[in-house]
Structures are given as structure tokens and as C-alpha cells.
N, C-alpha and C. Protein backbone atom coordinates (compact mmCIF):
# COMPACT_ATOMS: atom_id res chain seq x y z
N MET A 1 138.78 -104.14 -80.96
CA MET A 1 139.12 -102.73 -80.91
C MET A 1 140.44 -102.49 -80.18
N GLU A 2 140.82 -103.43 -79.31
CA GLU A 2 142.08 -103.26 -78.57
C GLU A 2 143.28 -103.12 -79.50
N GLU A 3 143.22 -103.75 -80.66
CA GLU A 3 144.36 -103.75 -81.56
C GLU A 3 144.71 -102.36 -82.08
N PHE A 4 143.75 -101.44 -82.09
CA PHE A 4 144.09 -100.07 -82.47
C PHE A 4 145.15 -99.51 -81.53
N GLY A 5 145.03 -99.82 -80.26
CA GLY A 5 146.01 -99.34 -79.28
C GLY A 5 147.26 -100.20 -79.22
N TRP A 6 147.07 -101.52 -79.11
CA TRP A 6 148.23 -102.42 -78.95
C TRP A 6 149.12 -102.42 -80.18
N ARG A 7 148.52 -102.68 -81.33
CA ARG A 7 149.31 -102.78 -82.55
C ARG A 7 149.35 -101.46 -83.31
N GLY A 8 148.27 -100.71 -83.31
CA GLY A 8 148.23 -99.48 -84.09
C GLY A 8 149.10 -98.36 -83.55
N VAL A 9 149.25 -98.31 -82.23
CA VAL A 9 150.04 -97.24 -81.61
C VAL A 9 151.26 -97.80 -80.89
N ALA A 10 151.04 -98.70 -79.93
CA ALA A 10 152.14 -99.16 -79.07
C ALA A 10 153.24 -99.90 -79.84
N GLN A 11 152.85 -100.81 -80.72
CA GLN A 11 153.85 -101.61 -81.44
C GLN A 11 154.82 -100.74 -82.24
N PRO A 12 154.32 -99.82 -83.08
CA PRO A 12 155.28 -99.00 -83.84
C PRO A 12 156.15 -98.12 -82.94
N LEU A 13 155.56 -97.56 -81.89
CA LEU A 13 156.36 -96.71 -81.01
C LEU A 13 157.44 -97.51 -80.28
N LEU A 14 157.10 -98.69 -79.81
CA LEU A 14 158.10 -99.52 -79.13
C LEU A 14 159.18 -100.01 -80.09
N GLN A 15 158.78 -100.32 -81.32
CA GLN A 15 159.75 -100.82 -82.30
C GLN A 15 160.74 -99.74 -82.75
N ARG A 16 160.49 -98.51 -82.40
CA ARG A 16 161.47 -97.45 -82.65
C ARG A 16 162.68 -97.61 -81.72
N HIS A 17 162.47 -98.29 -80.59
CA HIS A 17 163.49 -98.37 -79.54
C HIS A 17 163.98 -99.78 -79.24
N MET A 18 163.26 -100.79 -79.70
CA MET A 18 163.66 -102.17 -79.40
C MET A 18 163.26 -103.09 -80.54
N ALA A 19 163.87 -104.27 -80.55
CA ALA A 19 163.56 -105.27 -81.58
C ALA A 19 162.09 -105.69 -81.47
N PRO A 20 161.48 -106.04 -82.59
CA PRO A 20 160.07 -106.43 -82.59
C PRO A 20 159.71 -107.53 -81.58
N LEU A 21 160.58 -108.51 -81.39
CA LEU A 21 160.29 -109.58 -80.43
C LEU A 21 160.06 -108.99 -79.04
N TRP A 22 160.93 -108.08 -78.61
CA TRP A 22 160.81 -107.51 -77.27
C TRP A 22 159.64 -106.55 -77.18
N ALA A 23 159.35 -105.83 -78.26
CA ALA A 23 158.18 -104.96 -78.29
C ALA A 23 156.90 -105.79 -78.14
N GLY A 24 156.83 -106.90 -78.87
CA GLY A 24 155.67 -107.78 -78.76
C GLY A 24 155.53 -108.38 -77.38
N ALA A 25 156.65 -108.80 -76.79
CA ALA A 25 156.60 -109.38 -75.43
C ALA A 25 156.15 -108.35 -74.40
N LEU A 26 156.63 -107.12 -74.55
CA LEU A 26 156.22 -106.06 -73.62
C LEU A 26 154.74 -105.73 -73.77
N ILE A 27 154.27 -105.69 -75.00
CA ILE A 27 152.84 -105.47 -75.23
C ILE A 27 152.03 -106.63 -74.63
N GLY A 28 152.50 -107.85 -74.81
CA GLY A 28 151.80 -109.01 -74.26
C GLY A 28 151.71 -108.97 -72.74
N ALA A 29 152.80 -108.58 -72.08
CA ALA A 29 152.78 -108.48 -70.62
C ALA A 29 151.81 -107.38 -70.18
N THR A 30 151.84 -106.27 -70.88
CA THR A 30 150.91 -105.17 -70.56
C THR A 30 149.47 -105.60 -70.82
N TRP A 31 149.27 -106.29 -71.91
CA TRP A 31 147.94 -106.80 -72.28
C TRP A 31 147.42 -107.74 -71.20
N GLY A 32 148.27 -108.64 -70.73
CA GLY A 32 147.87 -109.56 -69.67
C GLY A 32 147.50 -108.83 -68.39
N LEU A 33 148.32 -107.88 -67.97
CA LEU A 33 148.03 -107.11 -66.76
C LEU A 33 146.79 -106.24 -66.92
N TRP A 34 146.55 -105.78 -68.14
CA TRP A 34 145.36 -104.98 -68.46
C TRP A 34 144.09 -105.75 -68.08
N HIS A 35 144.11 -107.07 -68.27
CA HIS A 35 142.93 -107.89 -67.98
C HIS A 35 142.86 -108.37 -66.53
N LEU A 36 143.90 -108.14 -65.76
CA LEU A 36 143.95 -108.65 -64.38
C LEU A 36 142.71 -108.30 -63.55
N PRO A 37 142.19 -107.08 -63.56
CA PRO A 37 141.01 -106.79 -62.73
C PRO A 37 139.82 -107.71 -63.01
N ALA A 38 139.68 -108.16 -64.25
CA ALA A 38 138.56 -109.04 -64.60
C ALA A 38 138.62 -110.37 -63.87
N PHE A 39 139.81 -110.78 -63.44
CA PHE A 39 139.95 -112.05 -62.72
C PHE A 39 139.38 -111.97 -61.31
N PHE A 40 139.13 -110.77 -60.83
CA PHE A 40 138.58 -110.57 -59.49
C PHE A 40 137.08 -110.29 -59.51
N LEU A 41 136.48 -110.30 -60.67
CA LEU A 41 135.05 -110.06 -60.80
C LEU A 41 134.35 -111.39 -61.05
N SER A 42 133.51 -111.78 -60.14
CA SER A 42 132.87 -113.09 -60.24
C SER A 42 131.91 -113.20 -61.42
N SER A 43 131.47 -112.10 -61.95
CA SER A 43 130.50 -112.14 -63.05
C SER A 43 131.15 -112.25 -64.43
N THR A 44 132.48 -112.38 -64.49
CA THR A 44 133.14 -112.49 -65.78
C THR A 44 133.64 -113.91 -66.01
N VAL A 45 133.85 -114.23 -67.26
CA VAL A 45 134.37 -115.55 -67.63
C VAL A 45 135.78 -115.75 -67.05
N PHE A 46 136.51 -114.66 -66.86
CA PHE A 46 137.88 -114.73 -66.35
C PHE A 46 137.96 -115.27 -64.92
N ALA A 47 136.88 -115.15 -64.17
CA ALA A 47 136.89 -115.51 -62.75
C ALA A 47 137.31 -116.96 -62.51
N ASP A 48 137.04 -117.84 -63.44
CA ASP A 48 137.38 -119.26 -63.28
C ASP A 48 138.66 -119.66 -64.02
N TRP A 49 139.33 -118.72 -64.64
CA TRP A 49 140.52 -119.02 -65.41
C TRP A 49 141.78 -118.95 -64.57
N ASN A 50 142.81 -119.59 -65.06
CA ASN A 50 144.13 -119.56 -64.43
C ASN A 50 144.85 -118.32 -64.95
N PHE A 51 145.14 -117.35 -64.05
CA PHE A 51 145.75 -116.10 -64.51
C PHE A 51 147.15 -116.32 -65.08
N LEU A 52 147.96 -117.16 -64.48
CA LEU A 52 149.32 -117.37 -64.98
C LEU A 52 149.28 -117.89 -66.42
N ALA A 53 148.43 -118.88 -66.68
CA ALA A 53 148.30 -119.41 -68.05
C ALA A 53 147.81 -118.32 -68.99
N PHE A 54 146.86 -117.52 -68.53
CA PHE A 54 146.34 -116.42 -69.35
C PHE A 54 147.44 -115.39 -69.63
N PHE A 55 148.21 -115.03 -68.61
CA PHE A 55 149.27 -114.03 -68.76
C PHE A 55 150.34 -114.52 -69.74
N VAL A 56 150.82 -115.73 -69.54
CA VAL A 56 151.82 -116.29 -70.46
C VAL A 56 151.25 -116.36 -71.87
N GLY A 57 149.99 -116.77 -71.97
CA GLY A 57 149.32 -116.83 -73.27
C GLY A 57 149.26 -115.47 -73.95
N ASN A 58 149.02 -114.43 -73.18
CA ASN A 58 148.98 -113.08 -73.76
C ASN A 58 150.34 -112.67 -74.31
N VAL A 59 151.39 -112.96 -73.57
CA VAL A 59 152.74 -112.63 -74.04
C VAL A 59 153.02 -113.40 -75.34
N VAL A 60 152.72 -114.68 -75.33
CA VAL A 60 152.97 -115.52 -76.50
C VAL A 60 152.14 -115.05 -77.70
N LEU A 61 150.88 -114.74 -77.47
CA LEU A 61 150.02 -114.29 -78.57
C LEU A 61 150.50 -112.96 -79.14
N ALA A 62 150.95 -112.06 -78.29
CA ALA A 62 151.47 -110.78 -78.78
C ALA A 62 152.74 -110.99 -79.60
N VAL A 63 153.56 -111.94 -79.19
CA VAL A 63 154.76 -112.27 -79.98
C VAL A 63 154.35 -112.87 -81.33
N LEU A 64 153.31 -113.70 -81.35
CA LEU A 64 152.84 -114.30 -82.60
C LEU A 64 152.25 -113.26 -83.54
N VAL A 65 151.61 -112.24 -83.01
CA VAL A 65 150.99 -111.21 -83.84
C VAL A 65 152.05 -110.27 -84.43
N THR A 66 153.19 -110.14 -83.77
CA THR A 66 154.22 -109.20 -84.20
C THR A 66 154.68 -109.43 -85.64
N PRO A 67 155.03 -110.65 -86.05
CA PRO A 67 155.41 -110.83 -87.46
C PRO A 67 154.26 -110.54 -88.43
N LEU A 68 153.02 -110.86 -88.02
CA LEU A 68 151.87 -110.54 -88.87
C LEU A 68 151.78 -109.04 -89.11
N PHE A 69 151.92 -108.30 -88.04
CA PHE A 69 151.85 -106.84 -88.13
C PHE A 69 152.96 -106.28 -89.00
N ASN A 70 154.17 -106.73 -88.78
CA ASN A 70 155.30 -106.19 -89.55
C ASN A 70 155.31 -106.67 -90.99
N GLN A 71 154.94 -107.92 -91.24
CA GLN A 71 154.92 -108.44 -92.61
C GLN A 71 153.87 -107.75 -93.47
N THR A 72 152.81 -107.25 -92.83
CA THR A 72 151.75 -106.56 -93.58
C THR A 72 151.94 -105.04 -93.57
N GLN A 73 153.17 -104.60 -93.24
CA GLN A 73 153.53 -103.18 -93.21
C GLN A 73 152.60 -102.35 -92.33
N GLY A 74 152.19 -102.92 -91.21
CA GLY A 74 151.41 -102.17 -90.23
C GLY A 74 149.91 -102.27 -90.38
N SER A 75 149.43 -103.16 -91.23
CA SER A 75 147.99 -103.34 -91.37
C SER A 75 147.43 -103.90 -90.06
N LEU A 76 146.29 -103.41 -89.67
CA LEU A 76 145.64 -103.91 -88.45
C LEU A 76 144.66 -105.05 -88.74
N LEU A 77 144.38 -105.31 -90.00
CA LEU A 77 143.40 -106.35 -90.36
C LEU A 77 143.78 -107.70 -89.77
N TRP A 78 145.00 -108.19 -90.05
CA TRP A 78 145.38 -109.52 -89.58
C TRP A 78 145.51 -109.59 -88.07
N PRO A 79 146.12 -108.61 -87.40
CA PRO A 79 146.11 -108.67 -85.94
C PRO A 79 144.70 -108.66 -85.35
N MET A 80 143.79 -107.89 -85.96
CA MET A 80 142.41 -107.86 -85.46
C MET A 80 141.72 -109.22 -85.67
N LEU A 81 141.91 -109.81 -86.84
CA LEU A 81 141.31 -111.13 -87.08
C LEU A 81 141.91 -112.19 -86.16
N PHE A 82 143.21 -112.11 -85.94
CA PHE A 82 143.88 -113.04 -85.03
C PHE A 82 143.31 -112.90 -83.62
N HIS A 83 143.18 -111.67 -83.15
CA HIS A 83 142.63 -111.41 -81.82
C HIS A 83 141.17 -111.90 -81.75
N TRP A 84 140.39 -111.62 -82.79
CA TRP A 84 139.00 -112.03 -82.82
C TRP A 84 138.85 -113.55 -82.75
N GLN A 85 139.71 -114.29 -83.45
CA GLN A 85 139.58 -115.75 -83.44
C GLN A 85 139.87 -116.35 -82.08
N LEU A 86 140.54 -115.59 -81.20
CA LEU A 86 140.80 -116.11 -79.86
C LEU A 86 139.53 -116.26 -79.03
N ILE A 87 138.47 -115.61 -79.45
CA ILE A 87 137.19 -115.69 -78.74
C ILE A 87 136.47 -116.99 -79.09
N ASN A 88 136.90 -117.65 -80.14
CA ASN A 88 136.21 -118.86 -80.58
C ASN A 88 136.41 -120.00 -79.58
N PRO A 89 135.52 -120.96 -79.57
CA PRO A 89 135.53 -122.01 -78.53
C PRO A 89 136.77 -122.89 -78.46
N PHE A 90 137.66 -122.82 -79.44
CA PHE A 90 138.87 -123.62 -79.36
C PHE A 90 139.76 -123.17 -78.20
N TRP A 91 139.67 -121.89 -77.82
CA TRP A 91 140.46 -121.32 -76.73
C TRP A 91 139.53 -120.94 -75.58
N PRO A 92 138.88 -121.90 -74.94
CA PRO A 92 137.80 -121.55 -74.02
C PRO A 92 138.20 -121.04 -72.63
N ASP A 93 139.34 -121.42 -72.10
CA ASP A 93 139.50 -121.16 -70.68
C ASP A 93 140.92 -120.91 -70.18
N ALA A 94 141.82 -120.53 -71.02
CA ALA A 94 143.20 -120.19 -70.63
C ALA A 94 143.81 -121.24 -69.70
N GLN A 95 143.76 -122.46 -70.12
CA GLN A 95 144.33 -123.55 -69.34
C GLN A 95 145.77 -123.79 -69.75
N PRO A 96 146.54 -124.41 -68.87
CA PRO A 96 147.95 -124.64 -69.20
C PRO A 96 148.19 -125.42 -70.49
N TRP A 97 147.30 -126.34 -70.87
CA TRP A 97 147.54 -127.13 -72.09
C TRP A 97 147.52 -126.26 -73.33
N ASP A 98 146.56 -125.32 -73.42
CA ASP A 98 146.55 -124.50 -74.63
C ASP A 98 147.68 -123.47 -74.61
N THR A 99 148.07 -123.02 -73.43
CA THR A 99 149.21 -122.11 -73.32
C THR A 99 150.49 -122.83 -73.75
N ALA A 100 150.66 -124.08 -73.34
CA ALA A 100 151.85 -124.85 -73.73
C ALA A 100 151.88 -125.04 -75.24
N MET A 101 150.74 -125.28 -75.84
CA MET A 101 150.66 -125.43 -77.29
C MET A 101 151.05 -124.12 -77.98
N LEU A 102 150.57 -122.99 -77.48
CA LEU A 102 150.91 -121.71 -78.07
C LEU A 102 152.39 -121.38 -77.90
N VAL A 103 152.98 -121.75 -76.77
CA VAL A 103 154.41 -121.54 -76.57
C VAL A 103 155.19 -122.31 -77.62
N ALA A 104 154.79 -123.55 -77.87
CA ALA A 104 155.47 -124.37 -78.89
C ALA A 104 155.36 -123.72 -80.27
N VAL A 105 154.18 -123.24 -80.61
CA VAL A 105 153.98 -122.56 -81.89
C VAL A 105 154.83 -121.29 -81.95
N ALA A 106 154.87 -120.54 -80.86
CA ALA A 106 155.65 -119.30 -80.82
C ALA A 106 157.14 -119.57 -81.00
N ILE A 107 157.64 -120.63 -80.41
CA ILE A 107 159.06 -120.98 -80.58
C ILE A 107 159.36 -121.22 -82.06
N ILE A 108 158.48 -121.93 -82.74
CA ILE A 108 158.67 -122.19 -84.17
C ILE A 108 158.59 -120.88 -84.96
N VAL A 109 157.62 -120.03 -84.65
CA VAL A 109 157.45 -118.77 -85.38
C VAL A 109 158.65 -117.85 -85.14
N VAL A 110 159.14 -117.78 -83.91
CA VAL A 110 160.31 -116.94 -83.62
C VAL A 110 161.53 -117.48 -84.35
N TRP A 111 161.72 -118.79 -84.33
CA TRP A 111 162.84 -119.38 -85.06
C TRP A 111 162.73 -119.08 -86.55
N TRP A 112 161.53 -119.24 -87.12
CA TRP A 112 161.30 -119.02 -88.54
C TRP A 112 161.53 -117.56 -88.93
N ASN A 113 161.20 -116.64 -88.02
CA ASN A 113 161.30 -115.21 -88.31
C ASN A 113 162.44 -114.53 -87.55
N CYS A 114 163.43 -115.29 -87.13
CA CYS A 114 164.50 -114.71 -86.29
C CYS A 114 165.23 -113.56 -86.98
N ASP A 115 165.31 -113.59 -88.30
CA ASP A 115 166.02 -112.51 -88.99
C ASP A 115 165.28 -111.17 -88.90
N THR A 116 163.97 -111.19 -88.70
CA THR A 116 163.22 -109.94 -88.59
C THR A 116 162.78 -109.61 -87.17
N LEU A 117 162.66 -110.61 -86.31
CA LEU A 117 162.18 -110.36 -84.95
C LEU A 117 163.25 -109.82 -84.00
N PHE A 118 164.51 -110.06 -84.32
CA PHE A 118 165.58 -109.63 -83.42
C PHE A 118 166.29 -108.36 -83.90
N ARG A 119 165.79 -107.75 -85.00
CA ARG A 119 166.39 -106.52 -85.51
C ARG A 119 165.29 -105.48 -85.74
N ARG A 120 165.62 -104.24 -85.49
CA ARG A 120 164.64 -103.17 -85.69
C ARG A 120 164.50 -102.81 -87.17
N GLU A 121 165.52 -103.11 -87.98
CA GLU A 121 165.45 -102.78 -89.40
C GLU A 121 164.26 -103.49 -90.04
N GLY A 122 163.47 -102.71 -90.76
CA GLY A 122 162.31 -103.28 -91.45
C GLY A 122 161.05 -103.34 -90.62
N ALA A 123 161.14 -103.08 -89.33
CA ALA A 123 159.96 -103.10 -88.47
C ALA A 123 159.14 -101.83 -88.69
N VAL A 124 157.84 -101.95 -88.55
CA VAL A 124 156.95 -100.81 -88.69
C VAL A 124 157.15 -99.89 -87.50
N THR A 125 157.46 -98.61 -87.78
CA THR A 125 157.68 -97.65 -86.70
C THR A 125 156.80 -96.42 -86.82
N GLU A 126 155.98 -96.38 -87.86
CA GLU A 126 155.05 -95.26 -88.03
C GLU A 126 153.68 -95.67 -87.50
N VAL A 127 153.06 -94.78 -86.74
CA VAL A 127 151.75 -95.08 -86.19
C VAL A 127 150.72 -95.22 -87.32
N ILE A 128 150.81 -94.39 -88.32
CA ILE A 128 149.99 -94.56 -89.53
C ILE A 128 150.99 -94.79 -90.66
N PRO A 129 151.22 -96.05 -91.03
CA PRO A 129 152.24 -96.35 -92.04
C PRO A 129 151.98 -95.64 -93.37
N ALA A 130 153.06 -95.33 -94.06
CA ALA A 130 152.98 -94.69 -95.37
C ALA A 130 152.10 -95.52 -96.29
N GLY A 131 151.31 -94.84 -97.10
CA GLY A 131 150.42 -95.54 -98.02
C GLY A 131 149.06 -95.83 -97.44
N GLN A 132 148.90 -95.58 -96.13
CA GLN A 132 147.60 -95.82 -95.50
C GLN A 132 146.96 -94.51 -95.06
N HIS A 133 147.57 -93.38 -95.39
CA HIS A 133 146.99 -92.08 -95.07
C HIS A 133 145.80 -91.84 -96.00
N SER A 134 144.84 -91.09 -95.52
CA SER A 134 143.71 -90.78 -96.41
C SER A 134 144.22 -89.91 -97.55
N GLY A 135 143.77 -90.20 -98.72
CA GLY A 135 144.18 -89.45 -99.89
C GLY A 135 145.34 -90.07 -100.64
N ASP A 136 145.98 -91.11 -100.08
CA ASP A 136 147.10 -91.77 -100.78
C ASP A 136 146.58 -92.78 -101.77
């Protein structure tokens, strides 16, 4: 459900003012800080995790979701599925090894999409993209 806010509202609004890469990184930093209180609650899974690895991972994941969001003209389906798959056991504990792997993947994705990630042209800037309004 978080993706309604992160990608559905924040991403298009930020992309009105900055390149998609920076909008994604800002969302990732905010996303990471959003979860910070959970690291202080002993009854949550976050209590045993490394916050720095989690924070960097959030920034990297938000950058990875940015091309998905823009390539699908603002569809929330792929960002939601991407976010949902992070709950699967392959990503169990926000450790530095999985964060390092995601950074490597993000470097490749940013390089591959550099023509769209560093320019605002073509980025989704409408909160409800055209063609997705009811009645269209």
C-alpha cells in the first residue's frame, strides 16, 4: 500500500522539479527514514537489522523502481509487485551483502537507463496519468 504514496503521489510531483534519478533517491531516503522508528522496537523484525544497510537498500530500491514506474507510464502494478517481492525470504535481513548486490544492480540499471533517468522529459508528472482516469 505504501506505493500509492511513494510512487503514486510523490514520484510524479518530484519529477516535475527534478530528474527521475534524484526523485527516486529522495523517495528512497525518505522511505528509509520512514522505517527508522521500527528499528527501536524490540518486537519488530527490524530490531536485529543493520539500519545503514537497510537505508542504503531503500535508496537503491527506490532508484530501481523509478524506471519501472516511468516506463509503464505511471502504473503502480509493477512498483507494487517489486515492493511485495522484497518481503520474500531472499531478502531476509538487510545485511551488507544483499545491499552491495543491489547497488551493483542499480549501477547497471542507471547506466542502461541514463538517457531517461537524468532528464525530466518523458517522466511521469501526473498523479493520475492520462488514460487511467475512470471513464477513459
